[in-house]
N, C-alpha and C. Protein backbone atom coordinates (compact mmCIF):
# COMPACT_ATOMS: atom_id res chain seq x y z
N MET A 1 173.47 163.45 89.66
CA MET A 1 173.64 162.36 88.79
C MET A 1 173.44 161.05 89.72
N GLN A 2 173.79 161.25 90.84
CA GLN A 2 173.83 160.20 91.91
C GLN A 2 172.17 159.35 92.11
N PHE A 3 171.21 160.10 91.77
CA PHE A 3 169.75 159.58 91.78
C PHE A 3 169.26 158.95 90.79
N LEU A 4 169.87 159.35 89.64
CA LEU A 4 169.42 158.59 88.19
C LEU A 4 169.57 157.22 88.25
N PRO A 5 170.51 156.54 88.65
CA PRO A 5 170.26 155.03 88.90
C PRO A 5 169.59 154.42 89.67
N THR A 6 169.13 155.05 90.69
CA THR A 6 168.03 154.71 91.78
C THR A 6 166.53 154.84 91.56
N SER A 7 166.40 156.00 90.86
CA SER A 7 165.14 156.13 90.58
C SER A 7 164.98 155.20 89.07
N ALA A 8 165.77 154.77 88.53
CA ALA A 8 165.48 154.08 87.05
C ALA A 8 165.23 152.83 87.84
N LEU A 9 166.03 152.26 88.57
CA LEU A 9 165.92 150.91 89.40
C LEU A 9 164.64 150.71 89.99
N ARG A 10 164.11 151.90 90.55
CA ARG A 10 162.74 151.98 91.21
C ARG A 10 161.64 151.71 89.99
N LEU A 11 161.74 152.78 88.97
CA LEU A 11 160.86 152.49 88.00
C LEU A 11 160.97 151.02 87.30
N SER A 12 162.06 150.57 87.20
CA SER A 12 162.02 149.07 86.71
C SER A 12 161.11 148.23 87.43
N ALA A 13 161.51 148.33 88.85
CA ALA A 13 160.77 147.44 89.91
C ALA A 13 159.41 147.43 89.74
N ILE A 14 159.11 148.76 89.72
CA ILE A 14 157.45 148.98 89.46
C ILE A 14 156.93 148.56 88.39
N ALA A 15 157.60 148.83 87.28
CA ALA A 15 157.15 148.37 85.97
C ALA A 15 157.03 146.55 86.00
N CYS A 16 158.14 146.01 86.63
CA CYS A 16 157.81 144.38 86.77
C CYS A 16 156.77 144.08 87.58
N VAL A 17 156.62 144.49 88.77
CA VAL A 17 155.62 144.11 89.48
C VAL A 17 154.23 144.55 88.85
N SER A 18 154.03 145.55 87.96
CA SER A 18 152.59 146.00 87.61
C SER A 18 152.55 145.12 86.40
N LEU A 19 153.51 144.64 85.49
CA LEU A 19 153.36 143.58 84.58
C LEU A 19 152.94 142.10 85.11
N THR A 20 153.73 141.84 86.34
CA THR A 20 153.34 140.53 86.96
C THR A 20 151.84 140.45 87.20
N ALA A 21 151.24 141.59 88.18
CA ALA A 21 149.89 141.58 88.50
C ALA A 21 148.95 141.57 87.39
N ALA A 22 149.32 142.29 86.33
CA ALA A 22 148.48 142.30 85.03
C ALA A 22 148.41 141.22 84.35
N LEU A 23 149.37 140.39 84.17
CA LEU A 23 149.38 139.13 83.61
C LEU A 23 148.50 138.29 84.71
N THR A 24 148.96 138.08 85.68
CA THR A 24 148.35 137.31 86.81
C THR A 24 146.68 137.40 86.82
N GLY A 25 146.45 138.76 86.58
CA GLY A 25 144.66 139.08 86.86
C GLY A 25 144.05 138.50 85.73
N CYS A 26 144.80 138.30 84.50
CA CYS A 26 143.90 138.10 83.38
C CYS A 26 143.78 136.61 82.86
N SER A 27 143.98 135.54 83.90
CA SER A 27 143.80 134.19 83.81
C SER A 27 142.36 133.92 83.69
N ALA A 28 142.12 133.19 82.36
CA ALA A 28 140.71 132.81 81.93
C ALA A 28 140.13 131.61 82.79
N LYS A 29 138.89 131.53 83.30
CA LYS A 29 138.07 130.57 84.05
C LYS A 29 137.20 129.95 83.02
N LYS A 30 137.13 128.45 83.04
CA LYS A 30 136.39 127.94 82.50
C LYS A 30 135.04 127.94 83.02
N PRO A 31 133.87 128.12 82.07
CA PRO A 31 132.57 128.20 82.73
C PRO A 31 132.22 126.69 82.94
N THR A 32 131.35 126.57 84.02
CA THR A 32 131.11 125.30 84.58
C THR A 32 129.83 124.94 84.04
N SER A 33 128.95 125.72 83.52
CA SER A 33 127.48 125.29 82.95
C SER A 33 127.39 126.44 82.02
N GLU A 34 126.01 126.03 81.20
CA GLU A 34 125.67 127.12 80.28
C GLU A 34 124.61 127.81 80.84
N VAL A 35 124.78 129.05 80.63
CA VAL A 35 123.77 130.19 81.32
C VAL A 35 123.02 130.59 80.28
N VAL A 36 121.76 130.97 80.62
CA VAL A 36 120.75 131.50 79.79
C VAL A 36 120.30 132.76 80.64
N VAL A 37 120.43 134.04 80.11
CA VAL A 37 120.31 135.43 80.59
C VAL A 37 118.76 135.78 80.08
N ALA A 38 118.40 136.08 81.22
CA ALA A 38 116.68 136.47 80.94
C ALA A 38 116.89 138.04 80.30
N PRO A 39 115.79 138.50 79.73
CA PRO A 39 116.04 139.74 78.81
C PRO A 39 115.83 140.65 79.69
N MET A 40 116.58 141.89 79.28
CA MET A 40 116.14 143.23 80.38
C MET A 40 114.79 143.85 79.92
N GLY A 41 114.13 144.59 80.97
CA GLY A 41 113.09 145.37 80.75
C GLY A 41 111.75 144.72 80.81
N VAL A 42 111.44 143.72 81.65
CA VAL A 42 110.43 142.83 81.56
C VAL A 42 110.04 142.79 83.02
N THR A 43 108.61 142.70 83.24
CA THR A 43 108.03 142.68 84.41
C THR A 43 108.27 141.35 85.11
N GLY A 44 108.95 141.17 86.40
CA GLY A 44 108.98 140.02 86.87
C GLY A 44 108.03 139.60 87.97
N THR A 45 108.15 138.16 88.43
CA THR A 45 107.51 137.67 89.36
C THR A 45 107.78 138.20 90.90
N ASN A 46 108.62 138.94 91.05
CA ASN A 46 109.34 139.09 92.43
C ASN A 46 108.79 140.56 92.65
N GLY A 47 107.50 141.04 91.97
CA GLY A 47 106.99 142.30 92.62
C GLY A 47 107.56 143.37 92.02
N SER A 48 108.64 143.64 91.41
CA SER A 48 109.36 144.57 91.06
C SER A 48 108.78 144.98 89.77
N ALA A 49 108.83 146.55 89.34
CA ALA A 49 108.05 146.74 88.30
C ALA A 49 108.97 146.31 86.96
N TYR A 50 110.20 146.22 87.18
CA TYR A 50 110.85 145.44 85.98
C TYR A 50 111.82 144.51 86.38
N TYR A 51 111.94 143.52 85.69
CA TYR A 51 112.85 142.51 85.81
C TYR A 51 114.22 142.92 85.38
N ASP A 52 115.36 142.82 86.22
CA ASP A 52 116.61 143.52 85.83
C ASP A 52 117.49 142.43 85.21
N GLY A 53 117.13 141.32 84.96
CA GLY A 53 117.93 140.37 84.25
C GLY A 53 118.64 139.57 85.14
N GLY A 54 118.19 138.39 85.30
CA GLY A 54 118.92 137.29 86.10
C GLY A 54 119.35 136.27 85.10
N ALA A 55 119.86 135.14 85.87
CA ALA A 55 120.23 134.22 84.96
C ALA A 55 119.60 132.75 85.41
N LEU A 56 119.43 131.79 84.55
CA LEU A 56 119.06 130.46 84.73
C LEU A 56 119.99 129.64 84.25
N VAL A 57 120.55 128.65 85.17
CA VAL A 57 121.46 127.79 84.78
C VAL A 57 120.83 126.59 84.24
N ASN A 58 121.16 125.99 83.01
CA ASN A 58 120.69 124.72 82.53
C ASN A 58 121.67 123.92 82.40
N ASN A 59 121.40 122.37 82.70
CA ASN A 59 122.07 121.29 82.30
C ASN A 59 122.09 121.16 80.91
N SER A 60 122.88 120.12 80.16
CA SER A 60 122.62 120.07 78.79
C SER A 60 121.57 119.21 78.56
N ALA A 61 121.30 118.38 79.56
CA ALA A 61 120.13 117.44 79.36
C ALA A 61 118.83 118.23 79.44
N ALA A 62 118.63 119.22 80.00
CA ALA A 62 117.61 119.97 80.02
C ALA A 62 117.43 120.75 78.84
N VAL A 63 118.44 121.31 78.26
CA VAL A 63 118.50 122.06 76.97
C VAL A 63 118.03 120.96 75.91
N VAL A 64 118.60 119.76 75.87
CA VAL A 64 118.17 118.80 74.80
C VAL A 64 116.37 118.40 74.87
N ASN A 65 116.01 118.31 76.28
CA ASN A 65 114.46 117.96 76.62
C ASN A 65 113.83 119.29 76.26
N ALA A 66 114.44 120.33 76.19
CA ALA A 66 113.62 121.54 75.80
C ALA A 66 112.95 121.30 74.50
N ALA A 67 113.53 120.97 73.58
CA ALA A 67 113.15 120.69 72.09
C ALA A 67 111.97 119.76 72.28
N ASN A 68 111.85 118.95 73.09
CA ASN A 68 110.61 117.90 73.19
C ASN A 68 109.56 118.64 73.82
N ALA A 69 109.86 119.50 74.61
CA ALA A 69 108.87 120.39 75.45
C ALA A 69 108.17 121.09 74.42
N SER A 70 108.90 122.03 73.45
CA SER A 70 108.33 122.43 72.68
C SER A 70 107.71 122.04 71.42
N SER A 71 108.08 120.78 71.28
CA SER A 71 107.30 120.31 70.25
C SER A 71 105.89 119.86 70.34
N MET A 72 105.75 119.75 71.75
CA MET A 72 104.31 119.46 72.31
C MET A 72 103.36 120.42 72.43
N GLY A 73 104.01 121.73 71.98
CA GLY A 73 103.27 123.04 71.86
C GLY A 73 103.67 124.01 73.20
N ASP A 74 104.06 124.97 73.05
CA ASP A 74 104.54 125.94 74.13
C ASP A 74 104.02 127.42 74.25
N VAL A 75 102.69 127.47 73.64
CA VAL A 75 102.00 128.49 73.43
C VAL A 75 100.64 128.59 73.91
N VAL A 76 100.01 129.42 74.95
CA VAL A 76 98.64 129.42 75.26
C VAL A 76 98.15 130.68 74.93
N TYR A 77 96.89 130.55 74.02
CA TYR A 77 96.15 132.08 73.48
C TYR A 77 95.37 132.38 74.42
N PHE A 78 95.07 133.62 74.46
CA PHE A 78 93.99 134.15 75.19
C PHE A 78 93.08 135.15 74.52
N GLY A 79 91.84 135.34 75.14
CA GLY A 79 90.87 136.10 74.55
C GLY A 79 91.29 137.64 74.68
N PHE A 80 90.48 138.44 74.20
CA PHE A 80 90.66 139.79 74.28
C PHE A 80 90.36 140.34 75.77
N ASP A 81 91.54 141.10 76.31
CA ASP A 81 91.47 141.55 77.49
C ASP A 81 91.23 140.40 78.68
N SER A 82 91.59 139.32 78.44
CA SER A 82 91.43 138.16 79.32
C SER A 82 92.84 137.62 79.80
N SER A 83 92.84 137.03 80.70
CA SER A 83 93.95 135.82 81.17
C SER A 83 93.38 134.59 81.92
N ASP A 84 91.99 134.37 81.50
CA ASP A 84 91.59 132.82 81.53
C ASP A 84 91.89 132.03 80.55
N ILE A 85 92.43 130.78 80.92
CA ILE A 85 92.99 129.88 80.21
C ILE A 85 91.70 128.89 79.69
N ASP A 86 91.77 128.88 78.54
CA ASP A 86 90.62 127.94 77.80
C ASP A 86 91.13 126.47 78.01
N ALA A 87 90.10 125.66 77.29
CA ALA A 87 90.29 124.28 77.20
C ALA A 87 91.60 123.87 76.43
N GLN A 88 91.83 124.45 75.34
CA GLN A 88 92.92 124.24 74.45
C GLN A 88 94.19 124.81 75.35
N GLY A 89 94.16 125.87 75.96
CA GLY A 89 95.43 126.33 76.59
C GLY A 89 95.48 125.27 77.98
N GLN A 90 94.69 124.70 78.37
CA GLN A 90 94.81 124.02 79.54
C GLN A 90 95.52 122.59 79.15
N ALA A 91 95.06 122.23 77.87
CA ALA A 91 95.90 120.74 77.37
C ALA A 91 97.20 121.07 76.95
N VAL A 92 97.59 122.34 76.47
CA VAL A 92 99.00 122.60 76.19
C VAL A 92 99.76 122.56 77.44
N LEU A 93 99.26 123.38 78.66
CA LEU A 93 99.75 123.25 80.09
C LEU A 93 100.10 122.25 80.54
N SER A 94 99.03 121.20 80.39
CA SER A 94 99.10 119.91 81.02
C SER A 94 100.08 119.07 80.44
N GLN A 95 100.41 119.12 79.25
CA GLN A 95 101.37 118.40 78.60
C GLN A 95 102.83 119.06 79.11
N GLN A 96 102.84 120.11 79.09
CA GLN A 96 104.11 120.98 79.96
C GLN A 96 104.14 120.30 81.40
N ALA A 97 103.26 120.62 82.07
CA ALA A 97 103.28 119.93 83.21
C ALA A 97 103.91 118.37 83.54
N GLN A 98 103.40 117.54 82.54
CA GLN A 98 103.91 116.21 82.64
C GLN A 98 105.37 116.22 81.89
N PHE A 99 105.80 117.11 81.12
CA PHE A 99 107.45 117.15 80.90
C PHE A 99 107.94 117.57 81.97
N LEU A 100 107.62 118.64 82.79
CA LEU A 100 108.31 119.12 84.05
C LEU A 100 108.42 118.05 84.92
N GLN A 101 107.16 117.36 85.06
CA GLN A 101 107.45 116.16 86.23
C GLN A 101 108.32 115.00 85.75
N ALA A 102 108.36 114.71 84.59
CA ALA A 102 109.30 113.91 84.10
C ALA A 102 110.80 114.54 83.97
N ASN A 103 110.89 115.79 84.22
CA ASN A 103 112.43 116.36 84.15
C ASN A 103 112.48 117.15 85.41
N PRO A 104 112.79 116.56 86.33
CA PRO A 104 112.63 117.18 88.03
C PRO A 104 113.71 118.65 87.87
N ASN A 105 114.71 118.52 87.02
CA ASN A 105 115.82 119.52 87.02
C ASN A 105 115.25 120.65 85.92
N ALA A 106 114.56 120.52 85.18
CA ALA A 106 113.94 121.66 84.18
C ALA A 106 113.38 122.94 84.81
N ARG A 107 113.62 124.03 84.43
CA ARG A 107 112.96 125.25 84.84
C ARG A 107 112.35 125.85 83.71
N VAL A 108 110.96 126.43 83.65
CA VAL A 108 110.36 127.03 82.54
C VAL A 108 110.20 128.83 82.84
N VAL A 109 110.31 129.49 81.67
CA VAL A 109 110.12 130.91 82.03
C VAL A 109 108.87 130.98 81.03
N ILE A 110 107.71 131.79 81.78
CA ILE A 110 106.60 131.77 80.90
C ILE A 110 106.36 133.38 80.57
N ALA A 111 106.52 133.72 79.39
CA ALA A 111 106.32 135.16 79.15
C ALA A 111 105.10 135.48 78.55
N GLY A 112 104.41 136.39 79.18
CA GLY A 112 103.18 136.79 78.64
C GLY A 112 103.30 138.11 77.81
N HIS A 113 102.28 137.95 76.60
CA HIS A 113 102.26 138.80 75.60
C HIS A 113 100.71 139.55 75.48
N THR A 114 100.81 140.72 74.91
CA THR A 114 99.45 141.29 74.65
C THR A 114 99.57 141.80 73.25
N ASP A 115 98.32 142.19 72.70
CA ASP A 115 98.26 142.82 71.37
C ASP A 115 98.53 144.31 71.75
N GLU A 116 98.62 145.16 70.74
CA GLU A 116 99.02 146.55 70.82
C GLU A 116 97.97 147.36 71.39
N ARG A 117 96.57 147.05 71.34
CA ARG A 117 95.67 147.93 71.75
C ARG A 117 95.76 147.97 73.38
N GLY A 118 95.65 149.15 74.05
CA GLY A 118 95.88 149.72 75.28
C GLY A 118 97.01 150.61 75.53
N SER A 119 97.34 150.96 76.79
CA SER A 119 98.54 151.54 77.18
C SER A 119 99.58 150.76 77.42
N ARG A 120 100.86 151.08 77.40
CA ARG A 120 102.07 150.37 77.74
C ARG A 120 101.86 149.74 78.99
N GLU A 121 101.55 150.45 80.23
CA GLU A 121 101.44 150.02 81.45
C GLU A 121 100.46 149.01 81.61
N TYR A 122 99.24 149.33 80.94
CA TYR A 122 98.12 148.39 81.19
C TYR A 122 98.52 146.87 80.44
N ASN A 123 99.13 147.13 79.26
CA ASN A 123 99.50 145.74 78.56
C ASN A 123 100.58 145.16 79.41
N MET A 124 101.47 145.86 79.93
CA MET A 124 102.64 144.91 80.76
C MET A 124 101.96 144.33 81.91
N ALA A 125 100.88 144.87 82.56
CA ALA A 125 100.06 144.28 83.64
C ALA A 125 99.37 143.20 83.09
N LEU A 126 98.66 143.25 82.02
CA LEU A 126 97.86 142.21 81.35
C LEU A 126 98.64 140.91 81.18
N GLY A 127 100.22 140.95 80.33
CA GLY A 127 100.91 140.18 80.04
C GLY A 127 101.33 139.48 81.39
N GLU A 128 101.59 140.26 82.34
CA GLU A 128 102.13 139.54 83.90
C GLU A 128 100.74 138.85 84.31
N ARG A 129 99.52 139.04 84.14
CA ARG A 129 98.51 138.23 84.58
C ARG A 129 98.39 136.99 83.78
N ARG A 130 98.77 137.18 82.67
CA ARG A 130 98.48 135.85 81.69
C ARG A 130 99.78 134.99 81.81
N ALA A 131 101.16 135.54 82.18
CA ALA A 131 101.90 134.60 82.64
C ALA A 131 101.86 134.13 84.13
N ARG A 132 101.32 134.82 84.95
CA ARG A 132 101.05 134.22 86.28
C ARG A 132 99.72 133.06 86.24
N ALA A 133 98.85 133.40 85.04
CA ALA A 133 97.78 132.30 85.23
C ALA A 133 98.29 131.07 84.65
N ALA A 134 99.13 131.06 83.56
CA ALA A 134 99.98 129.85 83.12
C ALA A 134 100.75 129.26 84.35
N GLN A 135 101.48 130.07 85.00
CA GLN A 135 102.27 129.65 86.20
C GLN A 135 101.53 128.88 87.20
N ASN A 136 100.27 129.62 87.62
CA ASN A 136 99.27 129.06 88.69
C ASN A 136 98.98 127.74 88.07
N TYR A 137 98.40 127.81 86.97
CA TYR A 137 97.89 126.27 86.30
C TYR A 137 99.12 125.20 86.57
N LEU A 138 100.37 125.34 86.31
CA LEU A 138 101.19 124.56 86.57
C LEU A 138 101.42 124.18 88.10
N THR A 139 101.68 125.20 88.75
CA THR A 139 101.67 124.86 90.38
C THR A 139 100.30 124.01 90.67
N SER A 140 99.09 124.21 90.18
CA SER A 140 98.00 123.37 90.36
C SER A 140 98.26 121.94 89.98
N GLN A 141 99.14 121.68 88.93
CA GLN A 141 99.51 120.27 88.49
C GLN A 141 100.65 119.81 89.18
N GLY A 142 100.89 120.37 90.11
CA GLY A 142 101.96 119.75 91.09
C GLY A 142 103.46 120.16 90.72
N ILE A 143 103.59 121.24 89.88
CA ILE A 143 105.03 121.67 89.66
C ILE A 143 105.26 122.88 90.68
N ALA A 144 106.36 122.70 91.26
CA ALA A 144 106.79 123.70 92.14
C ALA A 144 106.97 124.99 91.69
N ALA A 145 106.58 125.89 92.25
CA ALA A 145 106.57 127.41 92.06
C ALA A 145 107.96 127.81 91.86
N ASP A 146 109.17 127.36 92.48
CA ASP A 146 110.40 127.87 92.29
C ASP A 146 111.03 127.49 90.97
N ARG A 147 110.29 126.42 90.20
CA ARG A 147 110.81 125.94 88.83
C ARG A 147 110.31 126.94 87.65
N THR A 148 109.44 127.87 88.14
CA THR A 148 108.76 128.55 87.07
C THR A 148 109.01 130.03 87.41
N GLU A 149 109.18 130.65 86.07
CA GLU A 149 109.37 132.26 86.28
C GLU A 149 108.28 132.90 85.44
N ALA A 150 107.55 133.67 85.80
CA ALA A 150 106.62 134.50 84.90
C ALA A 150 107.05 136.10 84.52
N VAL A 151 107.10 136.22 83.24
CA VAL A 151 107.50 137.57 82.98
C VAL A 151 106.66 138.26 81.94
N SER A 152 106.57 139.51 81.67
CA SER A 152 105.78 140.09 80.83
C SER A 152 106.44 141.03 79.82
N TYR A 153 106.05 140.75 78.48
CA TYR A 153 106.74 141.75 77.55
C TYR A 153 105.64 142.62 77.04
N GLY A 154 104.48 142.54 77.78
CA GLY A 154 103.21 143.31 77.16
C GLY A 154 102.96 143.51 75.72
N GLU A 155 103.01 144.54 75.11
CA GLU A 155 102.99 144.29 73.38
C GLU A 155 104.12 144.75 72.63
N GLU A 156 105.31 144.33 73.43
CA GLU A 156 106.61 144.81 72.92
C GLU A 156 107.14 143.69 71.93
N GLN A 157 106.84 142.61 72.08
CA GLN A 157 107.16 141.46 71.17
C GLN A 157 106.21 140.83 70.39
N PRO A 158 105.44 141.29 69.51
CA PRO A 158 104.39 140.82 68.69
C PRO A 158 104.62 139.50 68.12
N ALA A 159 104.08 138.59 68.09
CA ALA A 159 104.40 137.33 67.15
C ALA A 159 103.81 137.62 65.70
N ASP A 160 102.97 138.47 65.42
CA ASP A 160 102.44 139.06 64.28
C ASP A 160 102.42 140.58 64.36
N PRO A 161 103.07 141.09 63.40
CA PRO A 161 103.19 142.59 63.44
C PRO A 161 101.99 143.37 62.75
N GLY A 162 100.75 142.29 62.07
CA GLY A 162 99.86 143.11 61.42
C GLY A 162 98.88 144.12 62.70
N HIS A 163 97.94 144.80 61.98
CA HIS A 163 96.81 145.56 63.06
C HIS A 163 95.60 145.17 62.81
N ASP A 164 95.06 143.91 62.66
CA ASP A 164 93.88 143.40 62.43
C ASP A 164 93.61 142.28 63.50
N GLU A 165 92.24 141.90 63.59
CA GLU A 165 92.15 140.83 64.65
C GLU A 165 92.94 139.75 64.50
N ALA A 166 93.22 139.09 63.21
CA ALA A 166 94.04 137.83 63.09
C ALA A 166 95.26 137.95 63.78
N ALA A 167 96.05 139.15 63.61
CA ALA A 167 97.18 139.43 64.05
C ALA A 167 97.18 139.48 65.80
N TRP A 168 96.32 140.08 65.99
CA TRP A 168 96.12 140.55 67.67
C TRP A 168 95.79 139.27 68.22
N ALA A 169 94.94 138.44 67.70
CA ALA A 169 94.62 137.06 68.16
C ALA A 169 95.98 136.26 68.39
N LYS A 170 96.84 136.42 67.48
CA LYS A 170 98.25 135.68 67.67
C LYS A 170 99.15 136.10 68.75
N ASN A 171 98.93 137.62 69.09
CA ASN A 171 99.77 138.19 69.94
C ASN A 171 99.35 138.00 71.43
N ARG A 172 98.07 137.80 71.53
CA ARG A 172 97.49 137.45 72.91
C ARG A 172 97.90 136.08 73.58
N ARG A 173 99.03 136.20 74.16
CA ARG A 173 99.45 134.76 74.34
C ARG A 173 100.51 134.63 75.50
N ALA A 174 100.66 133.55 76.07
CA ALA A 174 102.06 132.97 77.08
C ALA A 174 102.59 132.28 76.25
N VAL A 175 103.95 132.35 76.59
CA VAL A 175 105.11 131.34 75.87
C VAL A 175 105.89 130.86 76.93
N LEU A 176 106.02 129.46 76.75
CA LEU A 176 107.04 128.74 77.65
C LEU A 176 108.16 128.25 77.05
N SER A 177 109.08 128.73 77.57
CA SER A 177 110.53 128.39 77.24
C SER A 177 111.42 127.75 78.35
N TYR A 178 112.27 126.85 77.98
CA TYR A 178 113.36 126.21 78.80
C TYR A 178 114.70 126.70 78.89
């Protein structure tokens, strides 16, 4: 019976230390900025097969101004099996370049999309070429490459779920988002 008080005392001390450590470790930290997480499973500009989900930090001014950027047009459409930017697409990208020049802290993600025709691998590569074409156009307009990110969704996120030429034309696109 001599050991019972000592072991009970040890058990109480361990419980108190554990409880203190657990409560101290659960302190909450306030986030310092808004974080937008890129989607998983998309082809990235870093040369990897799939972009594994990074984060872009936006300040509130960039988020507010993003509404202005999308109101001037944020979609560039492409022809069948093409990553060439036509005159209408160049006009959209020129306006986006002006927005980016006026907002030097803004960053843009350019998502390339395709219609459903072709293999998944081919469409991911074509979506990547479309996103990079838009990215290269912005770079040619004086926008630093590190302010842009090109990703591909291939056929995975159709704008129109139809299975005809009108739907496919809407799905062959690059979408800019801030």
